[in-house]
């Protein structure tokens, strides 16, 4: 999109986040998640198709740039709440290790939130 390298995201993830998944025509191509907080695009395909923030059912935390934004979608944890509660990281780590998470579908990026945990 803007010259940066982005990570792939499954069409399954996209289907769980767009407002009207029944109208989306997924194509046999690679899709990507845009992490740029200054960009309205959330997903884009190899064919240059885009899905913007206003086409999703819920806000994308990384796009909102707010301490109340979610970063852990499986357990509903905001950046601020995680920073204020030290035991949350351990909890999320344990549940993720046990396979009690749904990052691929719950997180708009399709990935685990642990890498995004507030310092």
PDB file of N, CA and C in Angstrom:
ATOM      1  N   UNK A   1       0.825  -1.203   0.000  1.00  0.00           N
ATOM      2  CA  UNK A   1       0.000   0.000   0.000  1.00  0.00           C
ATOM      3  C   UNK A   1       0.864   1.260   0.000  1.00  0.00           C
ATOM      4  N   UNK A   2       1.619   1.472   1.065  1.00  0.00           N
ATOM      5  CA  UNK A   2       2.414   2.689   1.168  1.00  0.00           C
ATOM      6  C   UNK A   2       3.903   2.386   1.182  1.00  0.00           C
ATOM      7  N   UNK A   3       4.281   1.279   0.559  1.00  0.00           N
ATOM      8  CA  UNK A   3       5.686   0.912   0.489  1.00  0.00           C
ATOM      9  C   UNK A   3       6.173   0.081   1.648  1.00  0.00           C
ATOM     10  N   UNK A   4       5.335  -0.131   2.657  1.00  0.00           N
ATOM     11  CA  UNK A   4       5.727  -0.945   3.806  1.00  0.00           C
ATOM     12  C   UNK A   4       5.362  -2.406   3.559  1.00  0.00           C
ATOM     13  N   UNK A   5       6.043  -3.300   4.261  1.00  0.00           N
ATOM     14  CA  UNK A   5       5.728  -4.726   4.181  1.00  0.00           C
ATOM     15  C   UNK A   5       4.664  -5.035   5.234  1.00  0.00           C
ATOM     16  N   UNK A   6       3.600  -5.693   4.824  1.00  0.00           N
ATOM     17  CA  UNK A   6       2.514  -6.033   5.733  1.00  0.00           C
ATOM     18  C   UNK A   6       2.358  -7.541   5.822  1.00  0.00           C
ATOM     19  N   UNK A   7       1.758  -7.985   6.925  1.00  0.00           N
ATOM     20  CA  UNK A   7       1.564  -9.409   7.164  1.00  0.00           C
ATOM     21  C   UNK A   7       0.272  -9.887   6.510  1.00  0.00           C
ATOM     22  N   UNK A   8       0.313 -11.131   6.064  1.00  0.00           N
ATOM     23  CA  UNK A   8      -0.869 -11.743   5.466  1.00  0.00           C
ATOM     24  C   UNK A   8      -1.940 -11.956   6.520  1.00  0.00           C
ATOM     25  N   UNK A   9      -3.177 -11.943   6.074  1.00  0.00           N
ATOM     26  CA  UNK A   9      -4.323 -12.229   6.932  1.00  0.00           C
ATOM     27  C   UNK A   9      -5.263 -13.133   6.130  1.00  0.00           C
ATOM     28  N   UNK A  10      -5.904 -14.057   6.809  1.00  0.00           N
ATOM     29  CA  UNK A  10      -6.776 -15.004   6.115  1.00  0.00           C
ATOM     30  C   UNK A  10      -8.114 -14.364   5.758  1.00  0.00           C
ATOM     31  N   UNK A  11      -8.736 -14.878   4.731  1.00  0.00           N
ATOM     32  CA  UNK A  11     -10.070 -14.401   4.373  1.00  0.00           C
ATOM     33  C   UNK A  11     -11.055 -14.755   5.490  1.00  0.00           C
ATOM     34  N   UNK A  12     -10.767 -15.811   6.239  1.00  0.00           N
ATOM     35  CA  UNK A  12     -11.592 -16.185   7.395  1.00  0.00           C
ATOM     36  C   UNK A  12     -11.617 -15.049   8.424  1.00  0.00           C
ATOM     37  N   UNK A  13     -10.461 -14.469   8.698  1.00  0.00           N
ATOM     38  CA  UNK A  13     -10.383 -13.340   9.631  1.00  0.00           C
ATOM     39  C   UNK A  13     -11.212 -12.176   9.114  1.00  0.00           C
ATOM     40  N   UNK A  14     -11.033 -11.846   7.860  1.00  0.00           N
ATOM     41  CA  UNK A  14     -11.756 -10.723   7.262  1.00  0.00           C
ATOM     42  C   UNK A  14     -13.264 -10.931   7.365  1.00  0.00           C
ATOM     43  N   UNK A  15     -13.715 -12.139   7.057  1.00  0.00           N
ATOM     44  CA  UNK A  15     -15.155 -12.444   7.122  1.00  0.00           C
ATOM     45  C   UNK A  15     -15.746 -12.191   8.506  1.00  0.00           C
ATOM     46  N   UNK A  16     -14.965 -12.386   9.536  1.00  0.00           N
ATOM     47  CA  UNK A  16     -15.453 -12.191  10.899  1.00  0.00           C
ATOM     48  C   UNK A  16     -15.447 -10.722  11.330  1.00  0.00           C
ATOM     49  N   UNK A  17     -14.914  -9.836  10.508  1.00  0.00           N
ATOM     50  CA  UNK A  17     -14.827  -8.425  10.899  1.00  0.00           C
ATOM     51  C   UNK A  17     -15.612  -7.470  10.022  1.00  0.00           C
ATOM     52  N   UNK A  18     -15.907  -7.833   8.820  1.00  0.00           N
ATOM     53  CA  UNK A  18     -16.633  -6.904   7.951  1.00  0.00           C
ATOM     54  C   UNK A  18     -18.125  -6.889   8.291  1.00  0.00           C
ATOM     55  N   UNK A  19     -18.755  -5.747   8.065  1.00  0.00           N
ATOM     56  CA  UNK A  19     -20.166  -5.556   8.418  1.00  0.00           C
ATOM     57  C   UNK A  19     -21.090  -6.503   7.671  1.00  0.00           C
ATOM     58  N   UNK A  20     -20.856  -6.685   6.412  1.00  0.00           N
ATOM     59  CA  UNK A  20     -21.752  -7.504   5.597  1.00  0.00           C
ATOM     60  C   UNK A  20     -20.951  -8.598   4.886  1.00  0.00           C
ATOM     61  N   UNK A  21     -20.557  -9.628   5.626  1.00  0.00           N
ATOM     62  CA  UNK A  21     -19.713 -10.665   5.020  1.00  0.00           C
ATOM     63  C   UNK A  21     -20.382 -11.393   3.857  1.00  0.00           C
ATOM     64  N   UNK A  22     -21.699 -11.435   3.859  1.00  0.00           N
ATOM     65  CA  UNK A  22     -22.426 -12.100   2.780  1.00  0.00           C
ATOM     66  C   UNK A  22     -22.306 -11.351   1.452  1.00  0.00           C
ATOM     67  N   UNK A  23     -21.903 -10.095   1.505  1.00  0.00           N
ATOM     68  CA  UNK A  23     -21.725  -9.308   0.269  1.00  0.00           C
ATOM     69  C   UNK A  23     -20.282  -9.283  -0.226  1.00  0.00           C
ATOM     70  N   UNK A  24     -19.370  -9.761   0.602  1.00  0.00           N
ATOM     71  CA  UNK A  24     -17.961  -9.729   0.235  1.00  0.00           C
ATOM     72  C   UNK A  24     -17.623 -10.918  -0.641  1.00  0.00           C
ATOM     73  N   UNK A  25     -16.989 -10.660  -1.729  1.00  0.00           N
ATOM     74  CA  UNK A  25     -16.606 -11.702  -2.666  1.00  0.00           C
ATOM     75  C   UNK A  25     -15.105 -11.955  -2.538  1.00  0.00           C
ATOM     76  N   UNK A  26     -14.740 -12.855  -1.624  1.00  0.00           N
ATOM     77  CA  UNK A  26     -13.322 -13.187  -1.436  1.00  0.00           C
ATOM     78  C   UNK A  26     -12.784 -13.850  -2.695  1.00  0.00           C
ATOM     79  N   UNK A  27     -11.613 -13.451  -3.074  1.00  0.00           N
ATOM     80  CA  UNK A  27     -10.982 -14.009  -4.266  1.00  0.00           C
ATOM     81  C   UNK A  27      -9.817 -14.898  -3.865  1.00  0.00           C
ATOM     82  N   UNK A  28      -9.403 -15.749  -4.767  1.00  0.00           N
ATOM     83  CA  UNK A  28      -8.241 -16.612  -4.533  1.00  0.00           C
ATOM     84  C   UNK A  28      -6.987 -15.748  -4.677  1.00  0.00           C
ATOM     85  N   UNK A  29      -6.633 -15.080  -3.611  1.00  0.00           N
ATOM     86  CA  UNK A  29      -5.466 -14.214  -3.601  1.00  0.00           C
ATOM     87  C   UNK A  29      -5.019 -14.028  -2.162  1.00  0.00           C
ATOM     88  N   UNK A  30      -3.907 -13.387  -1.979  1.00  0.00           N
ATOM     89  CA  UNK A  30      -3.411 -13.083  -0.643  1.00  0.00           C
ATOM     90  C   UNK A  30      -3.982 -11.743  -0.199  1.00  0.00           C
ATOM     91  N   UNK A  31      -4.395 -11.701   1.069  1.00  0.00           N
ATOM     92  CA  UNK A  31      -4.880 -10.466   1.677  1.00  0.00           C
ATOM     93  C   UNK A  31      -3.914 -10.066   2.781  1.00  0.00           C
ATOM     94  N   UNK A  32      -3.871  -8.773   3.069  1.00  0.00           N
ATOM     95  CA  UNK A  32      -2.944  -8.230   4.061  1.00  0.00           C
ATOM     96  C   UNK A  32      -3.682  -7.336   5.044  1.00  0.00           C
ATOM     97  N   UNK A  33      -3.110  -7.201   6.242  1.00  0.00           N
ATOM     98  CA  UNK A  33      -3.622  -6.316   7.280  1.00  0.00           C
ATOM     99  C   UNK A  33      -2.726  -5.093   7.345  1.00  0.00           C
ATOM    100  N   UNK A  34      -3.321  -3.905   7.249  1.00  0.00           N
ATOM    101  CA  UNK A  34      -2.573  -2.654   7.322  1.00  0.00           C
ATOM    102  C   UNK A  34      -2.496  -2.185   8.769  1.00  0.00           C
ATOM    103  N   UNK A  35      -1.288  -2.111   9.307  1.00  0.00           N
ATOM    104  CA  UNK A  35      -1.072  -1.697  10.697  1.00  0.00           C
ATOM    105  C   UNK A  35      -0.862  -0.200  10.856  1.00  0.00           C
ATOM    106  N   UNK A  36      -0.838   0.532   9.775  1.00  0.00           N
ATOM    107  CA  UNK A  36      -0.582   1.962   9.830  1.00  0.00           C
ATOM    108  C   UNK A  36      -1.753   2.685  10.506  1.00  0.00           C
ATOM    109  N   UNK A  37      -1.541   3.295  11.686  1.00  0.00           N
ATOM    110  CA  UNK A  37      -2.642   3.957  12.389  1.00  0.00           C
ATOM    111  C   UNK A  37      -3.168   5.194  11.662  1.00  0.00           C
ATOM    112  N   UNK A  38      -2.416   5.714  10.718  1.00  0.00           N
ATOM    113  CA  UNK A  38      -2.832   6.906   9.977  1.00  0.00           C
ATOM    114  C   UNK A  38      -3.531   6.585   8.671  1.00  0.00           C
ATOM    115  N   UNK A  39      -3.871   5.322   8.470  1.00  0.00           N
ATOM    116  CA  UNK A  39      -4.468   4.877   7.208  1.00  0.00           C
ATOM    117  C   UNK A  39      -5.854   4.298   7.476  1.00  0.00           C
ATOM    118  N   UNK A  40      -6.818   4.640   6.664  1.00  0.00           N
ATOM    119  CA  UNK A  40      -8.187   4.132   6.799  1.00  0.00           C
ATOM    120  C   UNK A  40      -8.325   2.697   6.296  1.00  0.00           C
ATOM    121  N   UNK A  41      -7.353   2.237   5.523  1.00  0.00           N
ATOM    122  CA  UNK A  41      -7.401   0.873   4.994  1.00  0.00           C
ATOM    123  C   UNK A  41      -7.047  -0.102   6.113  1.00  0.00           C
ATOM    124  N   UNK A  42      -7.852  -1.153   6.256  1.00  0.00           N
ATOM    125  CA  UNK A  42      -7.569  -2.199   7.230  1.00  0.00           C
ATOM    126  C   UNK A  42      -7.050  -3.437   6.508  1.00  0.00           C
ATOM    127  N   UNK A  43      -7.727  -3.833   5.440  1.00  0.00           N
ATOM    128  CA  UNK A  43      -7.319  -5.006   4.658  1.00  0.00           C
ATOM    129  C   UNK A  43      -7.164  -4.610   3.200  1.00  0.00           C
ATOM    130  N   UNK A  44      -6.220  -5.255   2.539  1.00  0.00           N
ATOM    131  CA  UNK A  44      -6.086  -5.049   1.104  1.00  0.00           C
ATOM    132  C   UNK A  44      -5.600  -6.334   0.454  1.00  0.00           C
ATOM    133  N   UNK A  45      -5.995  -6.500  -0.809  1.00  0.00           N
ATOM    134  CA  UNK A  45      -5.644  -7.697  -1.547  1.00  0.00           C
ATOM    135  C   UNK A  45      -4.576  -7.440  -2.582  1.00  0.00           C
ATOM    136  N   UNK A  46      -4.053  -8.512  -3.128  1.00  0.00           N
ATOM    137  CA  UNK A  46      -3.037  -8.400  -4.182  1.00  0.00           C
ATOM    138  C   UNK A  46      -3.570  -7.657  -5.395  1.00  0.00           C
ATOM    139  N   UNK A  47      -4.879  -7.687  -5.582  1.00  0.00           N
ATOM    140  CA  UNK A  47      -5.493  -7.009  -6.725  1.00  0.00           C
ATOM    141  C   UNK A  47      -5.787  -5.532  -6.445  1.00  0.00           C
ATOM    142  N   UNK A  48      -5.251  -5.014  -5.329  1.00  0.00           N
ATOM    143  CA  UNK A  48      -5.447  -3.633  -4.891  1.00  0.00           C
ATOM    144  C   UNK A  48      -6.845  -3.341  -4.352  1.00  0.00           C
ATOM    145  N   UNK A  49      -7.641  -4.374  -4.097  1.00  0.00           N
ATOM    146  CA  UNK A  49      -8.936  -4.162  -3.443  1.00  0.00           C
ATOM    147  C   UNK A  49      -8.661  -3.772  -1.992  1.00  0.00           C
ATOM    148  N   UNK A  50      -9.542  -2.953  -1.414  1.00  0.00           N
ATOM    149  CA  UNK A  50      -9.342  -2.492  -0.037  1.00  0.00           C
ATOM    150  C   UNK A  50     -10.635  -2.612   0.766  1.00  0.00           C
ATOM    151  N   UNK A  51     -10.457  -2.776   2.066  1.00  0.00           N
ATOM    152  CA  UNK A  51     -11.559  -2.729   3.023  1.00  0.00           C
ATOM    153  C   UNK A  51     -11.134  -1.707   4.072  1.00  0.00           C
ATOM    154  N   UNK A  52     -11.939  -0.654   4.216  1.00  0.00           N
ATOM    155  CA  UNK A  52     -11.624   0.459   5.111  1.00  0.00           C
ATOM    156  C   UNK A  52     -12.253   0.278   6.493  1.00  0.00           C
ATOM    157  N   UNK A  53     -11.824   1.102   7.428  1.00  0.00           N
ATOM    158  CA  UNK A  53     -12.304   1.014   8.808  1.00  0.00           C
ATOM    159  C   UNK A  53     -13.825   1.137   8.902  1.00  0.00           C
ATOM    160  N   UNK A  54     -14.431   1.960   8.067  1.00  0.00           N
ATOM    161  CA  UNK A  54     -15.890   2.142   8.144  1.00  0.00           C
ATOM    162  C   UNK A  54     -16.670   0.942   7.618  1.00  0.00           C
ATOM    163  N   UNK A  55     -15.979  -0.031   7.044  1.00  0.00           N
ATOM    164  CA  UNK A  55     -16.632  -1.234   6.536  1.00  0.00           C
ATOM    165  C   UNK A  55     -16.598  -2.381   7.543  1.00  0.00           C
ATOM    166  N   UNK A  56     -16.038  -2.120   8.729  1.00  0.00           N
ATOM    167  CA  UNK A  56     -15.927  -3.151   9.749  1.00  0.00           C
ATOM    168  C   UNK A  56     -16.997  -2.973  10.821  1.00  0.00           C
ATOM    169  N   UNK A  57     -17.331  -4.075  11.498  1.00  0.00           N
ATOM    170  CA  UNK A  57     -18.349  -4.046  12.551  1.00  0.00           C
ATOM    171  C   UNK A  57     -17.867  -3.334  13.804  1.00  0.00           C
ATOM    172  N   UNK A  58     -16.568  -3.458  14.116  1.00  0.00           N
ATOM    173  CA  UNK A  58     -16.010  -2.897  15.341  1.00  0.00           C
ATOM    174  C   UNK A  58     -14.743  -2.116  15.042  1.00  0.00           C
ATOM    175  N   UNK A  59     -14.412  -1.173  15.913  1.00  0.00           N
ATOM    176  CA  UNK A  59     -13.171  -0.414  15.724  1.00  0.00           C
ATOM    177  C   UNK A  59     -11.943  -1.325  15.810  1.00  0.00           C
ATOM    178  N   UNK A  60     -10.902  -0.921  15.124  1.00  0.00           N
ATOM    179  CA  UNK A  60      -9.624  -1.635  15.167  1.00  0.00           C
ATOM    180  C   UNK A  60      -8.704  -0.824  16.072  1.00  0.00           C
ATOM    181  N   UNK A  61      -8.313  -1.425  17.198  1.00  0.00           N
ATOM    182  CA  UNK A  61      -7.543  -0.730  18.223  1.00  0.00           C
ATOM    183  C   UNK A  61      -6.339   0.007  17.707  1.00  0.00           C
ATOM    184  N   UNK A  62      -5.554  -0.618  16.868  1.00  0.00           N
ATOM    185  CA  UNK A  62      -4.326   0.002  16.365  1.00  0.00           C
ATOM    186  C   UNK A  62      -4.627   1.224  15.492  1.00  0.00           C
ATOM    187  N   UNK A  63      -5.818   1.306  14.951  1.00  0.00           N
ATOM    188  CA  UNK A  63      -6.202   2.438  14.102  1.00  0.00           C
ATOM    189  C   UNK A  63      -6.759   3.607  14.918  1.00  0.00           C
ATOM    190  N   UNK A  64      -7.144   3.351  16.166  1.00  0.00           N
ATOM    191  CA  UNK A  64      -7.773   4.385  16.985  1.00  0.00           C
ATOM    192  C   UNK A  64      -6.800   5.260  17.755  1.00  0.00           C
ATOM    193  N   UNK A  65      -5.632   4.731  18.075  1.00  0.00           N
ATOM    194  CA  UNK A  65      -4.620   5.503  18.795  1.00  0.00           C
ATOM    195  C   UNK A  65      -5.170   6.070  20.114  1.00  0.00           C
ATOM    196  N   UNK A  66      -5.769   5.186  20.918  1.00  0.00           N
ATOM    197  CA  UNK A  66      -6.342   5.589  22.201  1.00  0.00           C
ATOM    198  C   UNK A  66      -5.992   4.543  23.252  1.00  0.00           C
ATOM    199  N   UNK A  67      -5.816   4.977  24.478  1.00  0.00           N
ATOM    200  CA  UNK A  67      -5.488   4.033  25.553  1.00  0.00           C
ATOM    201  C   UNK A  67      -6.660   3.105  25.860  1.00  0.00           C
ATOM    202  N   UNK A  68      -7.867   3.495  25.472  1.00  0.00           N
ATOM    203  CA  UNK A  68      -9.030   2.651  25.711  1.00  0.00           C
ATOM    204  C   UNK A  68      -9.302   1.669  24.566  1.00  0.00           C
ATOM    205  N   UNK A  69      -8.473   1.734  23.518  1.00  0.00           N
ATOM    206  CA  UNK A  69      -8.619   0.825  22.388  1.00  0.00           C
ATOM    207  C   UNK A  69      -8.232  -0.590  22.788  1.00  0.00           C
ATOM    208  N   UNK A  70      -8.919  -1.550  22.212  1.00  0.00           N
ATOM    209  CA  UNK A  70      -8.582  -2.939  22.476  1.00  0.00           C
ATOM    210  C   UNK A  70      -7.303  -3.337  21.759  1.00  0.00           C
ATOM    211  N   UNK A  71      -6.532  -4.172  22.410  1.00  0.00           N
ATOM    212  CA  UNK A  71      -5.414  -4.823  21.735  1.00  0.00           C
ATOM    213  C   UNK A  71      -5.558  -6.339  21.868  1.00  0.00           C
ATOM    214  N   UNK A  72      -6.245  -6.811  22.926  1.00  0.00           N
ATOM    215  CA  UNK A  72      -6.543  -8.240  23.076  1.00  0.00           C
ATOM    216  C   UNK A  72      -8.040  -8.412  22.862  1.00  0.00           C
ATOM    217  N   UNK A  73      -8.382  -8.945  21.708  1.00  0.00           N
ATOM    218  CA  UNK A  73      -9.779  -9.098  21.336  1.00  0.00           C
ATOM    219  C   UNK A  73     -10.394 -10.359  21.931  1.00  0.00           C
ATOM    220  N   UNK A  74      -9.593 -11.352  22.228  1.00  0.00           N
ATOM    221  CA  UNK A  74     -10.108 -12.591  22.815  1.00  0.00           C
ATOM    222  C   UNK A  74     -10.685 -12.357  24.200  1.00  0.00           C
ATOM    223  N   UNK A  75     -10.030 -11.483  24.981  1.00  0.00           N
ATOM    224  CA  UNK A  75     -10.440 -11.268  26.360  1.00  0.00           C
ATOM    225  C   UNK A  75     -10.854  -9.821  26.645  1.00  0.00           C
ATOM    226  N   UNK A  76     -10.987  -9.006  25.597  1.00  0.00           N
ATOM    227  CA  UNK A  76     -11.496  -7.647  25.744  1.00  0.00           C
ATOM    228  C   UNK A  76     -10.623  -6.715  26.561  1.00  0.00           C
ATOM    229  N   UNK A  77      -9.315  -6.749  26.336  1.00  0.00           N
ATOM    230  CA  UNK A  77      -8.379  -5.955  27.130  1.00  0.00           C
ATOM    231  C   UNK A  77      -7.888  -4.744  26.331  1.00  0.00           C
ATOM    232  N   UNK A  78      -8.013  -3.562  26.949  1.00  0.00           N
ATOM    233  CA  UNK A  78      -7.521  -2.329  26.326  1.00  0.00           C
ATOM    234  C   UNK A  78      -6.058  -2.113  26.697  1.00  0.00           C
ATOM    235  N   UNK A  79      -5.413  -1.212  25.979  1.00  0.00           N
ATOM    236  CA  UNK A  79      -4.018  -0.867  26.282  1.00  0.00           C
ATOM    237  C   UNK A  79      -3.890  -0.344  27.717  1.00  0.00           C
ATOM    238  N   UNK A  80      -4.769   0.553  28.098  1.00  0.00           N
ATOM    239  CA  UNK A  80      -4.695   1.143  29.436  1.00  0.00           C
ATOM    240  C   UNK A  80      -4.931   0.092  30.520  1.00  0.00           C
ATOM    241  N   UNK A  81      -5.934  -0.743  30.341  1.00  0.00           N
ATOM    242  CA  UNK A  81      -6.248  -1.750  31.353  1.00  0.00           C
ATOM    243  C   UNK A  81      -5.080  -2.715  31.522  1.00  0.00           C
ATOM    244  N   UNK A  82      -4.439  -3.083  30.430  1.00  0.00           N
ATOM    245  CA  UNK A  82      -3.282  -3.983  30.512  1.00  0.00           C
ATOM    246  C   UNK A  82      -2.118  -3.312  31.234  1.00  0.00           C
ATOM    247  N   UNK A  83      -1.922  -2.029  30.976  1.00  0.00           N
ATOM    248  CA  UNK A  83      -0.821  -1.308  31.629  1.00  0.00           C
ATOM    249  C   UNK A  83      -1.061  -1.148  33.127  1.00  0.00           C
ATOM    250  N   UNK A  84      -2.315  -1.076  33.532  1.00  0.00           N
ATOM    251  CA  UNK A  84      -2.656  -0.881  34.940  1.00  0.00           C
ATOM    252  C   UNK A  84      -2.780  -2.185  35.726  1.00  0.00           C
ATOM    253  N   UNK A  85      -2.810  -3.323  35.052  1.00  0.00           N
ATOM    254  CA  UNK A  85      -3.028  -4.615  35.704  1.00  0.00           C
ATOM    255  C   UNK A  85      -1.972  -5.616  35.257  1.00  0.00           C
ATOM    256  N   UNK A  86      -0.956  -5.752  36.051  1.00  0.00           N
ATOM    257  CA  UNK A  86       0.191  -6.593  35.710  1.00  0.00           C
ATOM    258  C   UNK A  86      -0.159  -8.060  35.500  1.00  0.00           C
ATOM    259  N   UNK A  87      -1.185  -8.564  36.167  1.00  0.00           N
ATOM    260  CA  UNK A  87      -1.523  -9.984  36.055  1.00  0.00           C
ATOM    261  C   UNK A  87      -2.170 -10.350  34.721  1.00  0.00           C
ATOM    262  N   UNK A  88      -2.597  -9.375  33.958  1.00  0.00           N
ATOM    263  CA  UNK A  88      -3.272  -9.650  32.691  1.00  0.00           C
ATOM    264  C   UNK A  88      -2.346 -10.339  31.694  1.00  0.00           C
ATOM    265  N   UNK A  89      -1.114  -9.898  31.590  1.00  0.00           N
ATOM    266  CA  UNK A  89      -0.196 -10.514  30.621  1.00  0.00           C
ATOM    267  C   UNK A  89       0.004 -11.992  30.932  1.00  0.00           C
ATOM    268  N   UNK A  90       0.170 -12.323  32.189  1.00  0.00           N
ATOM    269  CA  UNK A  90       0.324 -13.724  32.585  1.00  0.00           C
ATOM    270  C   UNK A  90      -0.930 -14.522  32.228  1.00  0.00           C
ATOM    271  N   UNK A  91      -2.087 -13.955  32.517  1.00  0.00           N
ATOM    272  CA  UNK A  91      -3.358 -14.612  32.203  1.00  0.00           C
ATOM    273  C   UNK A  91      -3.474 -14.899  30.707  1.00  0.00           C
ATOM    274  N   UNK A  92      -3.217 -13.870  29.887  1.00  0.00           N
ATOM    275  CA  UNK A  92      -3.327 -14.027  28.438  1.00  0.00           C
ATOM    276  C   UNK A  92      -2.297 -15.037  27.939  1.00  0.00           C
ATOM    277  N   UNK A  93      -1.084 -14.987  28.459  1.00  0.00           N
ATOM    278  CA  UNK A  93      -0.042 -15.954  28.078  1.00  0.00           C
ATOM    279  C   UNK A  93      -0.477 -17.380  28.383  1.00  0.00           C
ATOM    280  N   UNK A  94      -1.026 -17.598  29.573  1.00  0.00           N
ATOM    281  CA  UNK A  94      -1.481 -18.936  29.971  1.00  0.00           C
ATOM    282  C   UNK A  94      -2.614 -19.425  29.078  1.00  0.00           C
ATOM    283  N   UNK A  95      -3.575 -18.576  28.820  1.00  0.00           N
ATOM    284  CA  UNK A  95      -4.722 -18.979  27.994  1.00  0.00           C
ATOM    285  C   UNK A  95      -4.290 -19.237  26.554  1.00  0.00           C
ATOM    286  N   UNK A  96      -3.381 -18.426  26.053  1.00  0.00           N
ATOM    287  CA  UNK A  96      -2.883 -18.621  24.693  1.00  0.00           C
ATOM    288  C   UNK A  96      -2.123 -19.937  24.601  1.00  0.00           C
ATOM    289  N   UNK A  97      -1.271 -20.206  25.577  1.00  0.00           N
ATOM    290  CA  UNK A  97      -0.512 -21.465  25.602  1.00  0.00           C
ATOM    291  C   UNK A  97      -1.427 -22.678  25.687  1.00  0.00           C
ATOM    292  N   UNK A  98      -2.563 -22.516  26.351  1.00  0.00           N
ATOM    293  CA  UNK A  98      -3.527 -23.607  26.505  1.00  0.00           C
ATOM    294  C   UNK A  98      -4.458 -23.734  25.302  1.00  0.00           C
ATOM    295  N   UNK A  99      -4.327 -22.823  24.354  1.00  0.00           N
ATOM    296  CA  UNK A  99      -5.189 -22.854  23.172  1.00  0.00           C
ATOM    297  C   UNK A  99      -6.575 -22.295  23.426  1.00  0.00           C
ATOM    298  N   UNK A 100      -6.721 -21.552  24.521  1.00  0.00           N
ATOM    299  CA  UNK A 100      -8.016 -20.960  24.871  1.00  0.00           C
ATOM    300  C   UNK A 100      -8.030 -19.505  24.399  1.00  0.00           C
ATOM    301  N   UNK A 101      -7.955 -19.357  23.128  1.00  0.00           N
ATOM    302  CA  UNK A 101      -8.032 -18.040  22.508  1.00  0.00           C
ATOM    303  C   UNK A 101      -8.578 -18.235  21.098  1.00  0.00           C
ATOM    304  N   UNK A 102      -8.905 -17.153  20.467  1.00  0.00           N
ATOM    305  CA  UNK A 102      -9.429 -17.211  19.102  1.00  0.00           C
ATOM    306  C   UNK A 102      -8.857 -16.064  18.290  1.00  0.00           C
ATOM    307  N   UNK A 103      -7.548 -15.888  18.412  1.00  0.00           N
ATOM    308  CA  UNK A 103      -6.869 -14.759  17.781  1.00  0.00           C
ATOM    309  C   UNK A 103      -7.125 -14.674  16.278  1.00  0.00           C
ATOM    310  N   UNK A 104      -7.135 -15.812  15.609  1.00  0.00           N
ATOM    311  CA  UNK A 104      -7.279 -15.792  14.151  1.00  0.00           C
ATOM    312  C   UNK A 104      -8.582 -15.144  13.701  1.00  0.00           C
ATOM    313  N   UNK A 105      -9.625 -15.277  14.503  1.00  0.00           N
ATOM    314  CA  UNK A 105     -10.896 -14.675  14.108  1.00  0.00           C
ATOM    315  C   UNK A 105     -11.253 -13.439  14.923  1.00  0.00           C
ATOM    316  N   UNK A 106     -10.872 -13.371  16.182  1.00  0.00           N
ATOM    317  CA  UNK A 106     -11.263 -12.249  17.030  1.00  0.00           C
ATOM    318  C   UNK A 106     -10.404 -11.008  16.798  1.00  0.00           C
ATOM    319  N   UNK A 107      -9.102 -11.205  16.574  1.00  0.00           N
ATOM    320  CA  UNK A 107      -8.191 -10.080  16.368  1.00  0.00           C
ATOM    321  C   UNK A 107      -8.221  -9.695  14.886  1.00  0.00           C
ATOM    322  N   UNK A 108      -8.491  -8.441  14.558  1.00  0.00           N
ATOM    323  CA  UNK A 108      -8.533  -8.032  13.150  1.00  0.00           C
ATOM    324  C   UNK A 108      -7.249  -8.339  12.381  1.00  0.00           C
ATOM    325  N   UNK A 109      -6.116  -8.397  13.083  1.00  0.00           N
ATOM    326  CA  UNK A 109      -4.855  -8.718  12.411  1.00  0.00           C
ATOM    327  C   UNK A 109      -4.710 -10.214  12.162  1.00  0.00           C
ATOM    328  N   UNK A 110      -5.533 -11.010  12.837  1.00  0.00           N
ATOM    329  CA  UNK A 110      -5.459 -12.456  12.695  1.00  0.00           C
ATOM    330  C   UNK A 110      -4.320 -13.082  13.477  1.00  0.00           C
ATOM    331  N   UNK A 111      -3.661 -12.288  14.310  1.00  0.00           N
ATOM    332  CA  UNK A 111      -2.497 -12.778  15.063  1.00  0.00           C
ATOM    333  C   UNK A 111      -2.708 -12.597  16.564  1.00  0.00           C
ATOM    334  N   UNK A 112      -1.859 -13.258  17.312  1.00  0.00           N
ATOM    335  CA  UNK A 112      -1.885 -13.167  18.767  1.00  0.00           C
ATOM    336  C   UNK A 112      -1.491 -11.756  19.212  1.00  0.00           C
ATOM    337  N   UNK A 113      -2.111 -11.293  20.277  1.00  0.00           N
ATOM    338  CA  UNK A 113      -1.876  -9.938  20.777  1.00  0.00           C
ATOM    339  C   UNK A 113      -0.621  -9.819  21.642  1.00  0.00           C
ATOM    340  N   UNK A 114      -0.041 -10.913  22.052  1.00  0.00           N
ATOM    341  CA  UNK A 114       1.083 -10.835  23.009  1.00  0.00           C
ATOM    342  C   UNK A 114       2.232  -9.970  22.512  1.00  0.00           C
ATOM    343  N   UNK A 115       2.472  -9.943  21.218  1.00  0.00           N
ATOM    344  CA  UNK A 115       3.553  -9.096  20.699  1.00  0.00           C
ATOM    345  C   UNK A 115       3.232  -7.604  20.837  1.00  0.00           C
ATOM    346  N   UNK A 116       1.955  -7.284  20.964  1.00  0.00           N
ATOM    347  CA  UNK A 116       1.515  -5.890  21.071  1.00  0.00           C
ATOM    348  C   UNK A 116       1.309  -5.445  22.509  1.00  0.00           C
ATOM    349  N   UNK A 117       1.646  -6.313  23.455  1.00  0.00           N
ATOM    350  CA  UNK A 117       1.380  -6.010  24.858  1.00  0.00           C
ATOM    351  C   UNK A 117       2.116  -4.737  25.276  1.00  0.00           C
ATOM    352  N   UNK A 118       1.419  -3.844  25.981  1.00  0.00           N
ATOM    353  CA  UNK A 118       2.051  -2.593  26.416  1.00  0.00           C
ATOM    354  C   UNK A 118       3.281  -2.867  27.288  1.00  0.00           C
ATOM    355  N   UNK A 119       4.310  -2.084  27.096  1.00  0.00           N
ATOM    356  CA  UNK A 119       5.563  -2.240  27.865  1.00  0.00           C
ATOM    357  C   UNK A 119       5.400  -1.722  29.273  1.00  0.00           C
TER     358      UNK A 119
END
